[in-house]
Protein backbone atom coordinates (compact mmCIF):
# COMPACT_ATOMS: atom_id res chain seq x y z
CA MET A 1 -0.23 0.16 -0.20
CA ASP A 2 1.76 3.13 -1.31
CA LEU A 3 0.19 6.40 1.38
CA GLN A 4 1.34 9.07 1.81
CA GLN A 5 4.43 8.43 5.05
CA LYS A 6 6.06 11.27 6.70
CA ILE A 7 9.44 10.27 8.31
CA VAL A 8 12.24 11.43 9.90
CA ILE A 9 16.48 10.01 8.59
CA SER A 10 19.14 10.11 10.88
CA ASP A 11 22.17 8.97 8.37
CA LYS A 12 24.75 9.83 11.77
CA TYR A 13 23.18 7.47 13.94
CA LYS A 14 20.94 5.24 11.31
CA PHE A 15 17.54 5.52 12.23
CA VAL A 16 13.87 6.02 11.30
CA TYR A 17 11.41 7.33 13.06
CA PHE A 18 7.40 6.88 11.51
CA GLU A 19 5.33 9.57 12.15
CA THR A 20 1.78 8.82 13.13
CA ASN A 21 -0.33 11.62 13.56
CA LYS A 22 -1.99 12.45 17.10
CA VAL A 23 0.55 9.96 18.55
CA ALA A 24 2.99 12.45 20.19
CA THR A 25 4.12 13.60 16.71
CA ARG A 26 4.83 17.27 17.50
CA SER A 27 6.71 16.47 20.88
CA MET A 28 9.18 13.40 18.47
CA LEU A 29 9.29 16.61 15.84
CA ASN A 30 11.00 19.16 19.14
CA TYR A 31 12.53 16.04 20.17
CA PHE A 32 15.42 15.10 17.02
CA VAL A 33 14.92 18.19 14.49
CA ARG A 34 13.09 21.20 15.64
CA LYS A 35 14.51 21.45 18.99
CA PRO A 36 17.06 18.51 19.90
CA ARG A 37 18.75 18.88 22.80
CA MET A 38 21.92 17.21 20.88
CA ASN A 39 22.79 17.56 16.81
CA TYR A 40 20.93 13.94 15.36
CA GLY A 41 21.26 15.25 11.87
CA ALA A 42 17.57 14.51 11.24
CA LYS A 43 16.33 15.50 8.63
CA ARG A 44 11.89 15.05 7.73
CA PHE A 45 11.41 13.85 4.72
CA ILE A 46 7.53 12.98 2.37
CA ARG A 47 7.76 9.14 1.84
CA LYS A 48 11.67 8.28 1.13
CA LYS A 49 12.80 4.81 0.39
CA VAL A 50 14.65 3.72 3.69
CA ASN A 51 17.82 2.24 4.31
CA SER A 52 16.88 -1.19 5.84
CA GLU A 53 20.27 -1.21 7.94
CA TYR A 54 18.48 1.77 9.69
CA PHE A 55 16.82 1.51 13.10
CA ARG A 56 13.08 2.14 12.21
CA PHE A 57 10.72 2.55 15.07
CA GLY A 58 7.03 4.55 15.84
CA PHE A 59 4.44 4.99 18.15
CA VAL A 60 0.88 4.10 18.17
CA ARG A 61 -1.90 5.15 20.44
CA ASN A 62 -5.16 3.12 21.77
CA PRO A 63 -7.61 3.88 18.92
CA TRP A 64 -10.44 5.23 21.03
CA GLU A 65 -8.06 8.00 23.04
CA ARG A 66 -6.58 8.64 18.85
CA VAL A 67 -10.14 9.35 17.73
CA VAL A 68 -10.73 11.85 21.01
CA SER A 69 -7.74 13.29 20.92
CA CYS A 70 -8.52 14.05 16.72
CA TYR A 71 -11.88 15.03 17.66
CA SER A 72 -10.71 17.62 20.28
CA HIS A 73 -7.84 19.16 18.20
CA LYS A 74 -8.98 19.19 14.86
CA ILE A 75 -13.16 19.22 15.47
CA VAL A 76 -13.70 21.31 18.57
CA ASP A 77 -10.57 23.42 19.75
CA THR A 78 -9.77 25.06 16.20
CA VAL A 79 -8.12 28.79 16.28
CA LEU A 80 -10.29 28.67 13.75
CA GLY A 81 -13.35 28.02 14.27
CA LYS A 82 -13.92 25.91 11.64
CA PRO A 83 -11.90 21.71 11.30
CA LEU A 84 -8.57 20.97 10.34
CA ILE A 85 -9.77 18.01 8.49
CA LEU A 86 -11.04 19.84 4.92
CA ASP A 87 -14.08 18.15 4.28
CA PRO A 88 -17.38 19.39 3.65
CA ARG A 89 -18.97 16.82 5.92
CA LEU A 90 -17.04 18.09 8.70
CA SER A 91 -18.11 21.19 11.00
CA HIS A 92 -16.90 23.16 13.74
CA ASN A 93 -18.65 21.82 17.20
CA MET A 94 -19.81 19.09 15.41
CA PRO A 95 -21.15 16.17 17.48
CA PHE A 96 -18.69 12.81 18.61
CA GLU A 97 -21.38 10.91 17.43
CA GLU A 98 -21.23 11.73 13.75
CA PHE A 99 -17.91 12.36 13.83
CA VAL A 100 -17.37 8.58 14.53
CA ASP A 101 -19.83 7.80 11.82
CA TYR A 102 -17.40 10.38 9.14
CA LEU A 103 -14.45 7.70 10.63
CA LEU A 104 -16.59 5.01 8.90
CA GLU A 105 -17.48 6.55 6.09
CA ASN A 106 -13.67 6.94 5.52
CA LYS A 107 -12.25 3.41 6.16
CA LYS A 108 -10.34 3.42 2.40
CA GLU A 109 -6.82 4.46 4.10
CA LYS A 110 -5.71 5.56 0.62
CA GLU A 111 -8.43 7.68 0.92
CA ALA A 112 -8.48 9.00 4.64
CA ASP A 113 -6.81 11.96 6.01
CA ILE A 114 -3.22 11.51 7.70
CA HIS A 115 -5.47 12.36 10.88
CA ILE A 116 -8.00 9.43 11.11
CA ARG A 117 -6.21 6.48 8.66
CA SER A 118 -5.41 3.35 10.70
CA GLN A 119 -1.74 3.38 13.14
CA TRP A 120 -0.67 -0.13 11.12
CA THR A 121 -0.27 1.84 7.84
CA PHE A 122 2.33 4.19 9.50
CA VAL A 123 4.44 1.87 11.64
CA ASN A 124 4.63 -1.81 9.09
CA GLU A 125 7.72 -1.49 8.29
CA CYS A 126 9.15 -0.60 12.03
CA ASP A 127 11.69 -2.58 13.72
CA PHE A 128 10.02 -1.41 17.11
CA VAL A 129 6.56 0.14 17.46
CA GLY A 130 6.21 1.68 21.09
CA ARG A 131 3.41 3.24 23.03
CA PHE A 132 1.76 6.28 23.79
CA GLU A 133 0.87 4.83 27.24
CA THR A 134 3.95 4.04 28.00
CA LEU A 135 5.91 6.52 25.64
CA ASN A 136 9.05 7.75 27.87
CA GLU A 137 9.52 4.25 28.49
CA ASP A 138 9.54 3.12 24.91
CA LEU A 139 11.46 6.01 23.74
CA ALA A 140 14.00 5.22 26.40
CA TYR A 141 14.65 1.55 24.70
CA VAL A 142 15.18 3.12 20.92
CA LEU A 143 17.57 5.63 22.27
CA ALA A 144 18.91 2.46 24.30
CA VAL A 145 19.74 0.69 21.41
CA LEU A 146 20.60 3.70 19.47
CA ARG A 147 23.28 4.06 21.45
CA LEU A 148 22.50 7.63 22.04
CA PRO A 149 21.92 9.67 25.84
CA LEU A 150 18.04 10.29 26.50
CA TYR A 151 16.54 13.70 27.50
CA PRO A 152 13.43 14.48 28.93
CA LEU A 153 10.67 14.47 26.62
CA ARG A 154 8.92 18.06 25.62
CA LYS A 155 5.33 17.58 25.44
CA LYS A 156 3.96 19.64 23.15
CA ASN A 157 0.14 19.99 21.10
CA VAL A 158 -1.23 18.83 24.74
CA SER A 159 -5.40 18.81 24.40
CA ALA A 160 -7.37 20.29 27.48
CA ARG A 161 -9.76 18.16 27.64
CA GLU A 162 -12.88 18.67 30.05
CA LYS A 163 -13.33 15.06 30.96
CA PRO A 164 -11.15 11.97 30.15
CA TRP A 165 -11.31 10.04 26.74
CA GLU A 166 -13.88 7.20 27.96
CA ASP A 167 -16.45 9.36 28.62
CA TYR A 168 -17.10 10.86 25.10
CA TYR A 169 -18.19 7.18 24.24
CA THR A 170 -21.43 5.81 23.96
CA LYS A 171 -21.19 1.77 23.97
CA GLU A 172 -22.58 2.29 20.34
CA THR A 173 -19.96 4.81 19.14
CA PHE A 174 -17.36 2.67 21.31
CA GLU A 175 -18.27 -0.56 19.15
CA LYS A 176 -18.37 1.64 15.59
CA VAL A 177 -14.40 2.36 16.62
CA ARG A 178 -13.57 -0.67 17.26
CA ASP A 179 -14.41 -1.96 13.48
CA ARG A 180 -13.30 1.14 12.37
CA TYR A 181 -9.79 0.20 13.73
CA PHE A 182 -9.93 -3.61 14.20
CA MET A 183 -6.64 -4.18 12.31
CA ASP A 184 -4.72 -1.37 14.86
CA ILE A 185 -6.88 -3.48 17.78
CA LYS A 186 -5.69 -6.48 17.12
CA ARG A 187 -2.43 -5.93 16.02
CA PHE A 188 -1.13 -3.30 18.94
CA ASP A 189 -3.14 -5.24 21.59
CA TYR A 190 -5.38 -2.74 22.58
CA GLY A 191 -8.21 -5.54 23.08
CA ALA A 192 -11.67 -4.52 23.61
């Protein structure tokens, strides 16, 4: 499957970070590219041939939490007063239930916005897939494999939600998200 993919490559330290939208991407970009504490020699690319000898890693997130994060950031908390995913079917502050229905209408990964694409499509080529829920520990593992020093990860773009992600769901919307992201749930063991 040939999908748009943003990656960070360091030829200096022989690694590739595969971005997954709504999974600490801004924090990781700051860590390796924009505001690094050391020079990783890392650059960001849109899908480039990857050296198979490089250590390839990425991160995933609980699919239900990722959907709420996307909804909060791209539909509700927008500074422009309009959705940040450009689609006429979306509207600012639309009900969460309608957003979930929109996700079900967009199951074709090649056509889905990168913020709602299934996570497996981003990290399919990785040697290691960490989790957002254990991001600091998993980043420490990655850096240990690369024999690089660990610096504190500064979190960026953190959602300012008023309630936990679980509270957004009814039984029906929970099941719809499970159906939409079945492969992510199965592949990354987010059982439900």
